[in-house]
PDB file of N, CA and C in Angstrom:
ATOM      1  N   MET A   1     -74.013 -13.890  99.291  1.00  0.00           N
ATOM      2  CA  MET A   1     -75.350 -14.350  99.605  1.00  0.00           C
ATOM      3  C   MET A   1     -75.639 -15.596  98.757  1.00  0.00           C
ATOM      4  N   ASN A   2     -76.067 -16.672  99.430  1.00  0.00           N
ATOM      5  CA  ASN A   2     -76.331 -17.904  98.705  1.00  0.00           C
ATOM      6  C   ASN A   2     -77.762 -17.933  98.162  1.00  0.00           C
ATOM      7  N   LYS A   3     -78.071 -19.010  97.466  1.00  0.00           N
ATOM      8  CA  LYS A   3     -79.382 -19.122  96.807  1.00  0.00           C
ATOM      9  C   LYS A   3     -80.525 -19.108  97.817  1.00  0.00           C
ATOM     10  N   LYS A   4     -80.346 -19.784  98.956  1.00  0.00           N
ATOM     11  CA  LYS A   4     -81.393 -19.814  99.981  1.00  0.00           C
ATOM     12  C   LYS A   4     -81.687 -18.402 100.478  1.00  0.00           C
ATOM     13  N   ASP A   5     -80.646 -17.642 100.754  1.00  0.00           N
ATOM     14  CA  ASP A   5     -80.832 -16.273 101.236  1.00  0.00           C
ATOM     15  C   ASP A   5     -81.540 -15.402 100.208  1.00  0.00           C
ATOM     16  N   LYS A   6     -81.189 -15.574  98.941  1.00  0.00           N
ATOM     17  CA  LYS A   6     -81.837 -14.801  97.876  1.00  0.00           C
ATOM     18  C   LYS A   6     -83.319 -15.144  97.766  1.00  0.00           C
ATOM     19  N   LEU A   7     -83.640 -16.438  97.835  1.00  0.00           N
ATOM     20  CA  LEU A   7     -85.040 -16.855  97.765  1.00  0.00           C
ATOM     21  C   LEU A   7     -85.833 -16.351  98.962  1.00  0.00           C
ATOM     22  N   LEU A   8     -85.244 -16.434 100.153  1.00  0.00           N
ATOM     23  CA  LEU A   8     -85.936 -15.954 101.345  1.00  0.00           C
ATOM     24  C   LEU A   8     -86.150 -14.448 101.303  1.00  0.00           C
ATOM     25  N   ARG A   9     -85.161 -13.721 100.812  1.00  0.00           N
ATOM     26  CA  ARG A   9     -85.310 -12.276 100.689  1.00  0.00           C
ATOM     27  C   ARG A   9     -86.422 -11.937  99.701  1.00  0.00           C
ATOM     28  N   LYS A  10     -86.464 -12.685  98.581  1.00  0.00           N
ATOM     29  CA  LYS A  10     -87.514 -12.455  97.595  1.00  0.00           C
ATOM     30  C   LYS A  10     -88.884 -12.795  98.182  1.00  0.00           C
ATOM     31  N   LEU A  11     -88.990 -13.915  98.880  1.00  0.00           N
ATOM     32  CA  LEU A  11     -90.262 -14.324  99.485  1.00  0.00           C
ATOM     33  C   LEU A  11     -90.751 -13.280 100.485  1.00  0.00           C
ATOM     34  N   CYS A  12     -89.860 -12.777 101.312  1.00  0.00           N
ATOM     35  CA  CYS A  12     -90.244 -11.812 102.352  1.00  0.00           C
ATOM     36  C   CYS A  12     -90.610 -10.440 101.785  1.00  0.00           C
ATOM     37  N   SER A  13     -90.305 -10.212 100.509  1.00  0.00           N
ATOM     38  CA  SER A  13     -90.722  -8.953  99.873  1.00  0.00           C
ATOM     39  C   SER A  13     -92.090  -9.092  99.217  1.00  0.00           C
ATOM     40  N   TYR A  14     -92.675 -10.290  99.257  1.00  0.00           N
ATOM     41  CA  TYR A  14     -94.001 -10.587  98.721  1.00  0.00           C
ATOM     42  C   TYR A  14     -94.173 -10.111  97.275  1.00  0.00           C
ATOM     43  N   PRO A  15     -93.355 -10.670  96.361  1.00  0.00           N
ATOM     44  CA  PRO A  15     -93.454 -10.249  94.960  1.00  0.00           C
ATOM     45  C   PRO A  15     -94.713 -10.782  94.293  1.00  0.00           C
ATOM     46  N   LYS A  16     -95.087 -10.203  93.199  1.00  0.00           N
ATOM     47  CA  LYS A  16     -96.272 -10.634  92.439  1.00  0.00           C
ATOM     48  C   LYS A  16     -95.979 -11.842  91.546  1.00  0.00           C
ATOM     49  N   ASP A  17     -94.702 -12.231  91.425  1.00  0.00           N
ATOM     50  CA  ASP A  17     -94.333 -13.290  90.481  1.00  0.00           C
ATOM     51  C   ASP A  17     -93.593 -14.455  91.151  1.00  0.00           C
ATOM     52  N   PHE A  18     -93.890 -14.753  92.403  1.00  0.00           N
ATOM     53  CA  PHE A  18     -93.233 -15.850  93.113  1.00  0.00           C
ATOM     54  C   PHE A  18     -93.892 -17.163  92.698  1.00  0.00           C
ATOM     55  N   SER A  19     -93.115 -18.066  92.121  1.00  0.00           N
ATOM     56  CA  SER A  19     -93.669 -19.294  91.555  1.00  0.00           C
ATOM     57  C   SER A  19     -93.696 -20.440  92.570  1.00  0.00           C
ATOM     58  N   PHE A  20     -94.462 -21.461  92.249  1.00  0.00           N
ATOM     59  CA  PHE A  20     -94.547 -22.639  93.108  1.00  0.00           C
ATOM     60  C   PHE A  20     -93.198 -23.349  93.181  1.00  0.00           C
ATOM     61  N   GLU A  21     -92.427 -23.348  92.100  1.00  0.00           N
ATOM     62  CA  GLU A  21     -91.101 -23.967  92.110  1.00  0.00           C
ATOM     63  C   GLU A  21     -90.178 -23.228  93.080  1.00  0.00           C
ATOM     64  N   GLU A  22     -90.286 -21.907  93.133  1.00  0.00           N
ATOM     65  CA  GLU A  22     -89.489 -21.140  94.089  1.00  0.00           C
ATOM     66  C   GLU A  22     -89.918 -21.449  95.519  1.00  0.00           C
ATOM     67  N   MET A  23     -91.210 -21.598  95.740  1.00  0.00           N
ATOM     68  CA  MET A  23     -91.713 -21.947  97.070  1.00  0.00           C
ATOM     69  C   MET A  23     -91.199 -23.325  97.481  1.00  0.00           C
ATOM     70  N   THR A  24     -91.199 -24.261  96.555  1.00  0.00           N
ATOM     71  CA  THR A  24     -90.674 -25.595  96.819  1.00  0.00           C
ATOM     72  C   THR A  24     -89.191 -25.515  97.178  1.00  0.00           C
ATOM     73  N   ALA A  25     -88.446 -24.667  96.491  1.00  0.00           N
ATOM     74  CA  ALA A  25     -87.021 -24.495  96.775  1.00  0.00           C
ATOM     75  C   ALA A  25     -86.800 -23.894  98.163  1.00  0.00           C
ATOM     76  N   VAL A  26     -87.659 -22.973  98.581  1.00  0.00           N
ATOM     77  CA  VAL A  26     -87.560 -22.385  99.914  1.00  0.00           C
ATOM     78  C   VAL A  26     -87.745 -23.469 100.966  1.00  0.00           C
ATOM     79  N   PHE A  27     -88.802 -24.252 100.830  1.00  0.00           N
ATOM     80  CA  PHE A  27     -89.046 -25.319 101.810  1.00  0.00           C
ATOM     81  C   PHE A  27     -87.925 -26.358 101.785  1.00  0.00           C
ATOM     82  N   SER A  28     -87.434 -26.690 100.599  1.00  0.00           N
ATOM     83  CA  SER A  28     -86.347 -27.651 100.478  1.00  0.00           C
ATOM     84  C   SER A  28     -85.089 -27.135 101.173  1.00  0.00           C
ATOM     85  N   ALA A  29     -84.804 -25.853 101.018  1.00  0.00           N
ATOM     86  CA  ALA A  29     -83.630 -25.255 101.661  1.00  0.00           C
ATOM     87  C   ALA A  29     -83.759 -25.261 103.178  1.00  0.00           C
ATOM     88  N   CYS A  30     -84.980 -25.287 103.672  1.00  0.00           N
ATOM     89  CA  CYS A  30     -85.225 -25.330 105.122  1.00  0.00           C
ATOM     90  C   CYS A  30     -85.328 -26.759 105.646  1.00  0.00           C
ATOM     91  N   GLY A  31     -85.095 -27.751 104.790  1.00  0.00           N
ATOM     92  CA  GLY A  31     -85.078 -29.148 105.219  1.00  0.00           C
ATOM     93  C   GLY A  31     -86.372 -29.913 105.032  1.00  0.00           C
ATOM     94  N   PHE A  32     -87.317 -29.370 104.261  1.00  0.00           N
ATOM     95  CA  PHE A  32     -88.603 -30.019 104.040  1.00  0.00           C
ATOM     96  C   PHE A  32     -88.580 -30.842 102.750  1.00  0.00           C
ATOM     97  N   GLU A  33     -89.424 -31.845 102.706  1.00  0.00           N
ATOM     98  CA  GLU A  33     -89.648 -32.645 101.501  1.00  0.00           C
ATOM     99  C   GLU A  33     -91.129 -32.573 101.147  1.00  0.00           C
ATOM    100  N   ILE A  34     -91.442 -32.804  99.879  1.00  0.00           N
ATOM    101  CA  ILE A  34     -92.830 -32.749  99.422  1.00  0.00           C
ATOM    102  C   ILE A  34     -93.503 -34.097  99.627  1.00  0.00           C
ATOM    103  N   ASN A  35     -94.728 -34.044 100.135  1.00  0.00           N
ATOM    104  CA  ASN A  35     -95.586 -35.212 100.235  1.00  0.00           C
ATOM    105  C   ASN A  35     -96.915 -34.795  99.615  1.00  0.00           C
ATOM    106  N   ASN A  36     -97.343 -35.444  98.541  1.00  0.00           N
ATOM    107  CA  ASN A  36     -98.555 -34.996  97.843  1.00  0.00           C
ATOM    108  C   ASN A  36     -99.846 -35.500  98.472  1.00  0.00           C
ATOM    109  N   LYS A  37     -99.778 -36.089  99.662  1.00  0.00           N
ATOM    110  CA  LYS A  37    -100.962 -36.478 100.423  1.00  0.00           C
ATOM    111  C   LYS A  37    -101.815 -37.547  99.741  1.00  0.00           C
ATOM    112  N   GLY A  38    -101.294 -38.275  98.789  1.00  0.00           N
ATOM    113  CA  GLY A  38    -102.046 -39.364  98.185  1.00  0.00           C
ATOM    114  C   GLY A  38    -102.760 -38.981  96.907  1.00  0.00           C
ATOM    115  N   ARG A  39    -103.369 -39.955  96.297  1.00  0.00           N
ATOM    116  CA  ARG A  39    -104.000 -39.795  94.990  1.00  0.00           C
ATOM    117  C   ARG A  39    -105.219 -38.891  95.044  1.00  0.00           C
ATOM    118  N   THR A  40    -105.906 -38.843  96.152  1.00  0.00           N
ATOM    119  CA  THR A  40    -107.149 -38.073  96.239  1.00  0.00           C
ATOM    120  C   THR A  40    -106.961 -36.698  96.883  1.00  0.00           C
ATOM    121  N   SER A  41    -105.730 -36.231  96.962  1.00  0.00           N
ATOM    122  CA  SER A  41    -105.476 -34.976  97.654  1.00  0.00           C
ATOM    123  C   SER A  41    -105.792 -33.750  96.810  1.00  0.00           C
ATOM    124  N   GLY A  42    -106.000 -33.925  95.525  1.00  0.00           N
ATOM    125  CA  GLY A  42    -106.253 -32.772  94.667  1.00  0.00           C
ATOM    126  C   GLY A  42    -105.016 -31.910  94.555  1.00  0.00           C
ATOM    127  N   SER A  43    -105.165 -30.610  94.806  1.00  0.00           N
ATOM    128  CA  SER A  43    -104.020 -29.714  94.682  1.00  0.00           C
ATOM    129  C   SER A  43    -103.310 -29.492  96.020  1.00  0.00           C
ATOM    130  N   ARG A  44    -103.708 -30.211  97.068  1.00  0.00           N
ATOM    131  CA  ARG A  44    -103.047 -30.058  98.367  1.00  0.00           C
ATOM    132  C   ARG A  44    -101.661 -30.686  98.342  1.00  0.00           C
ATOM    133  N   ILE A  45    -100.691 -29.920  98.830  1.00  0.00           N
ATOM    134  CA  ILE A  45     -99.314 -30.386  98.925  1.00  0.00           C
ATOM    135  C   ILE A  45     -98.887 -30.224 100.375  1.00  0.00           C
ATOM    136  N   GLU A  46     -98.207 -31.231 100.915  1.00  0.00           N
ATOM    137  CA  GLU A  46     -97.693 -31.140 102.275  1.00  0.00           C
ATOM    138  C   GLU A  46     -96.174 -31.116 102.222  1.00  0.00           C
ATOM    139  N   PHE A  47     -95.587 -30.146 102.897  1.00  0.00           N
ATOM    140  CA  PHE A  47     -94.146 -30.081 103.055  1.00  0.00           C
ATOM    141  C   PHE A  47     -93.835 -30.623 104.444  1.00  0.00           C
ATOM    142  N   VAL A  48     -92.971 -31.638 104.519  1.00  0.00           N
ATOM    143  CA  VAL A  48     -92.694 -32.328 105.772  1.00  0.00           C
ATOM    144  C   VAL A  48     -91.202 -32.253 106.069  1.00  0.00           C
ATOM    145  N   ASN A  49     -90.878 -31.875 107.317  1.00  0.00           N
ATOM    146  CA  ASN A  49     -89.506 -31.915 107.801  1.00  0.00           C
ATOM    147  C   ASN A  49     -89.419 -33.091 108.762  1.00  0.00           C
ATOM    148  N   SER A  50     -88.819 -34.166 108.307  1.00  0.00           N
ATOM    149  CA  SER A  50     -88.816 -35.396 109.097  1.00  0.00           C
ATOM    150  C   SER A  50     -87.882 -35.315 110.300  1.00  0.00           C
ATOM    151  N   SER A  51     -86.949 -34.379 110.319  1.00  0.00           N
ATOM    152  CA  SER A  51     -86.025 -34.296 111.454  1.00  0.00           C
ATOM    153  C   SER A  51     -86.708 -33.779 112.718  1.00  0.00           C
ATOM    154  N   ASN A  52     -87.756 -32.956 112.576  1.00  0.00           N
ATOM    155  CA  ASN A  52     -88.444 -32.449 113.767  1.00  0.00           C
ATOM    156  C   ASN A  52     -89.971 -32.526 113.650  1.00  0.00           C
ATOM    157  N   ASN A  53     -90.462 -33.278 112.682  1.00  0.00           N
ATOM    158  CA  ASN A  53     -91.896 -33.542 112.496  1.00  0.00           C
ATOM    159  C   ASN A  53     -92.734 -32.297 112.220  1.00  0.00           C
ATOM    160  N   ASP A  54     -92.135 -31.239 111.689  1.00  0.00           N
ATOM    161  CA  ASP A  54     -92.907 -30.071 111.255  1.00  0.00           C
ATOM    162  C   ASP A  54     -93.520 -30.364 109.901  1.00  0.00           C
ATOM    163  N   SER A  55     -94.720 -29.835 109.666  1.00  0.00           N
ATOM    164  CA  SER A  55     -95.343 -29.979 108.353  1.00  0.00           C
ATOM    165  C   SER A  55     -96.164 -28.738 108.046  1.00  0.00           C
ATOM    166  N   TYR A  56     -96.293 -28.465 106.758  1.00  0.00           N
ATOM    167  CA  TYR A  56     -97.081 -27.326 106.300  1.00  0.00           C
ATOM    168  C   TYR A  56     -97.859 -27.767 105.069  1.00  0.00           C
ATOM    169  N   ILE A  57     -99.166 -27.560 105.079  1.00  0.00           N
ATOM    170  CA  ILE A  57    -100.025 -27.945 103.961  1.00  0.00           C
ATOM    171  C   ILE A  57    -100.472 -26.687 103.232  1.00  0.00           C
ATOM    172  N   MET A  58    -100.343 -26.707 101.922  1.00  0.00           N
ATOM    173  CA  MET A  58    -100.830 -25.607 101.102  1.00  0.00           C
ATOM    174  C   MET A  58    -101.391 -26.165  99.806  1.00  0.00           C
ATOM    175  N   HIS A  59    -102.103 -25.331  99.084  1.00  0.00           N
ATOM    176  CA  HIS A  59    -102.637 -25.727  97.795  1.00  0.00           C
ATOM    177  C   HIS A  59    -101.701 -25.272  96.695  1.00  0.00           C
ATOM    178  N   LYS A  60    -101.463 -26.152  95.754  1.00  0.00           N
ATOM    179  CA  LYS A  60    -100.662 -25.806  94.600  1.00  0.00           C
ATOM    180  C   LYS A  60    -101.501 -24.872  93.736  1.00  0.00           C
ATOM    181  N   PRO A  61    -100.924 -23.728  93.331  1.00  0.00           N
ATOM    182  CA  PRO A  61    -101.717 -22.769  92.558  1.00  0.00           C
ATOM    183  C   PRO A  61    -102.068 -23.307  91.174  1.00  0.00           C
ATOM    184  N   HIS A  62    -103.254 -22.970  90.720  1.00  0.00           N
ATOM    185  CA  HIS A  62    -103.679 -23.348  89.379  1.00  0.00           C
ATOM    186  C   HIS A  62    -104.718 -22.357  88.918  1.00  0.00           C
ATOM    187  N   PRO A  63    -104.913 -22.062  87.705  1.00  0.00           N
ATOM    188  CA  PRO A  63    -104.271 -22.678  86.535  1.00  0.00           C
ATOM    189  C   PRO A  63    -102.862 -22.148  86.284  1.00  0.00           C
ATOM    190  N   ASN A  64    -102.501 -20.985  86.824  1.00  0.00           N
ATOM    191  CA  ASN A  64    -101.116 -20.544  86.634  1.00  0.00           C
ATOM    192  C   ASN A  64    -100.286 -21.014  87.820  1.00  0.00           C
ATOM    193  N   ASN A  65     -99.025 -20.679  87.836  1.00  0.00           N
ATOM    194  CA  ASN A  65     -98.083 -21.230  88.790  1.00  0.00           C
ATOM    195  C   ASN A  65     -97.627 -20.208  89.830  1.00  0.00           C
ATOM    196  N   ILE A  66     -98.327 -19.088  89.962  1.00  0.00           N
ATOM    197  CA  ILE A  66     -97.909 -17.994  90.820  1.00  0.00           C
ATOM    198  C   ILE A  66     -98.598 -18.097  92.191  1.00  0.00           C
ATOM    199  N   ILE A  67     -97.803 -17.961  93.253  1.00  0.00           N
ATOM    200  CA  ILE A  67     -98.317 -18.028  94.621  1.00  0.00           C
ATOM    201  C   ILE A  67     -99.014 -16.715  94.962  1.00  0.00           C
ATOM    202  N   LYS A  68    -100.163 -16.794  95.572  1.00  0.00           N
ATOM    203  CA  LYS A  68    -100.918 -15.608  95.989  1.00  0.00           C
ATOM    204  C   LYS A  68    -100.233 -14.936  97.185  1.00  0.00           C
ATOM    205  N   GLY A  69    -100.487 -13.633  97.332  1.00  0.00           N
ATOM    206  CA  GLY A  69     -99.874 -12.862  98.408  1.00  0.00           C
ATOM    207  C   GLY A  69    -100.213 -13.366  99.795  1.00  0.00           C
ATOM    208  N   TYR A  70    -101.490 -13.720 100.008  1.00  0.00           N
ATOM    209  CA  TYR A  70    -101.882 -14.203 101.340  1.00  0.00           C
ATOM    210  C   TYR A  70    -101.179 -15.514 101.679  1.00  0.00           C
ATOM    211  N   ALA A  71    -100.948 -16.354 100.675  1.00  0.00           N
ATOM    212  CA  ALA A  71    -100.270 -17.632 100.911  1.00  0.00           C
ATOM    213  C   ALA A  71     -98.801 -17.398 101.270  1.00  0.00           C
ATOM    214  N   MET A  72     -98.168 -16.422 100.622  1.00  0.00           N
ATOM    215  CA  MET A  72     -96.775 -16.098 100.960  1.00  0.00           C
ATOM    216  C   MET A  72     -96.683 -15.591 102.393  1.00  0.00           C
ATOM    217  N   LYS A  73     -97.630 -14.756 102.806  1.00  0.00           N
ATOM    218  CA  LYS A  73     -97.619 -14.219 104.170  1.00  0.00           C
ATOM    219  C   LYS A  73     -97.791 -15.349 105.187  1.00  0.00           C
ATOM    220  N   GLN A  74     -98.643 -16.317 104.881  1.00  0.00           N
ATOM    221  CA  GLN A  74     -98.846 -17.446 105.779  1.00  0.00           C
ATOM    222  C   GLN A  74     -97.584 -18.305 105.886  1.00  0.00           C
ATOM    223  N   VAL A  75     -96.901 -18.518 104.760  1.00  0.00           N
ATOM    224  CA  VAL A  75     -95.669 -19.312 104.763  1.00  0.00           C
ATOM    225  C   VAL A  75     -94.584 -18.596 105.562  1.00  0.00           C
ATOM    226  N   VAL A  76     -94.421 -17.298 105.338  1.00  0.00           N
ATOM    227  CA  VAL A  76     -93.409 -16.538 106.074  1.00  0.00           C
ATOM    228  C   VAL A  76     -93.705 -16.582 107.575  1.00  0.00           C
ATOM    229  N   ALA A  77     -94.963 -16.414 107.951  1.00  0.00           N
ATOM    230  CA  ALA A  77     -95.339 -16.474 109.367  1.00  0.00           C
ATOM    231  C   ALA A  77     -95.023 -17.847 109.958  1.00  0.00           C
ATOM    232  N   PHE A  78     -95.311 -18.915 109.223  1.00  0.00           N
ATOM    233  CA  PHE A  78     -95.017 -20.270 109.682  1.00  0.00           C
ATOM    234  C   PHE A  78     -93.517 -20.470 109.861  1.00  0.00           C
ATOM    235  N   LEU A  79     -92.732 -20.076 108.847  1.00  0.00           N
ATOM    236  CA  LEU A  79     -91.286 -20.276 108.915  1.00  0.00           C
ATOM    237  C   LEU A  79     -90.656 -19.455 110.044  1.00  0.00           C
ATOM    238  N   LYS A  80     -91.165 -18.264 110.285  1.00  0.00           N
ATOM    239  CA  LYS A  80     -90.659 -17.447 111.391  1.00  0.00           C
ATOM    240  C   LYS A  80     -91.050 -18.053 112.738  1.00  0.00           C
ATOM    241  N   ALA A  81     -92.288 -18.500 112.866  1.00  0.00           N
ATOM    242  CA  ALA A  81     -92.759 -19.072 114.125  1.00  0.00           C
ATOM    243  C   ALA A  81     -91.985 -20.336 114.505  1.00  0.00           C
ATOM    244  N   LYS A  82     -91.611 -21.114 113.503  1.00  0.00           N
ATOM    245  CA  LYS A  82     -90.885 -22.353 113.751  1.00  0.00           C
ATOM    246  C   LYS A  82     -89.367 -22.161 113.823  1.00  0.00           C
ATOM    247  N   GLY A  83     -88.888 -20.931 113.548  1.00  0.00           N
ATOM    248  CA  GLY A  83     -87.462 -20.640 113.677  1.00  0.00           C
ATOM    249  C   GLY A  83     -86.611 -20.961 112.468  1.00  0.00           C
ATOM    250  N   TYR A  84     -87.218 -21.167 111.316  1.00  0.00           N
ATOM    251  CA  TYR A  84     -86.442 -21.457 110.106  1.00  0.00           C
ATOM    252  C   TYR A  84     -85.869 -20.176 109.505  1.00  0.00           C
ATOM    253  N   ILE A  85     -86.545 -19.059 109.711  1.00  0.00           N
ATOM    254  CA  ILE A  85     -86.046 -17.766 109.259  1.00  0.00           C
ATOM    255  C   ILE A  85     -86.213 -16.762 110.396  1.00  0.00           C
ATOM    256  N   GLU A  86     -85.467 -15.679 110.289  1.00  0.00           N
ATOM    257  CA  GLU A  86     -85.530 -14.644 111.329  1.00  0.00           C
ATOM    258  C   GLU A  86     -86.511 -13.574 110.981  1.00  0.00           C
TER     259      GLU A  86
END
């Protein structure tokens, strides 16, 4: 099992300690790049896949770095709907 598979398995189990860096790695493994939406975007981060024009916008967690459960569920639903994961 490679790193992408391990991260996806961890994400789909909705752990309490999934970090923003791990989320970035998941999107990167699926072919996305980070776009911070400009200087006035605040904590909004856009993940863009330029090969098929898919994008996903989420807020970077603060003050700690842990992704909330509802946000993980939304990401998993998006990745499944777009065919990046099964």
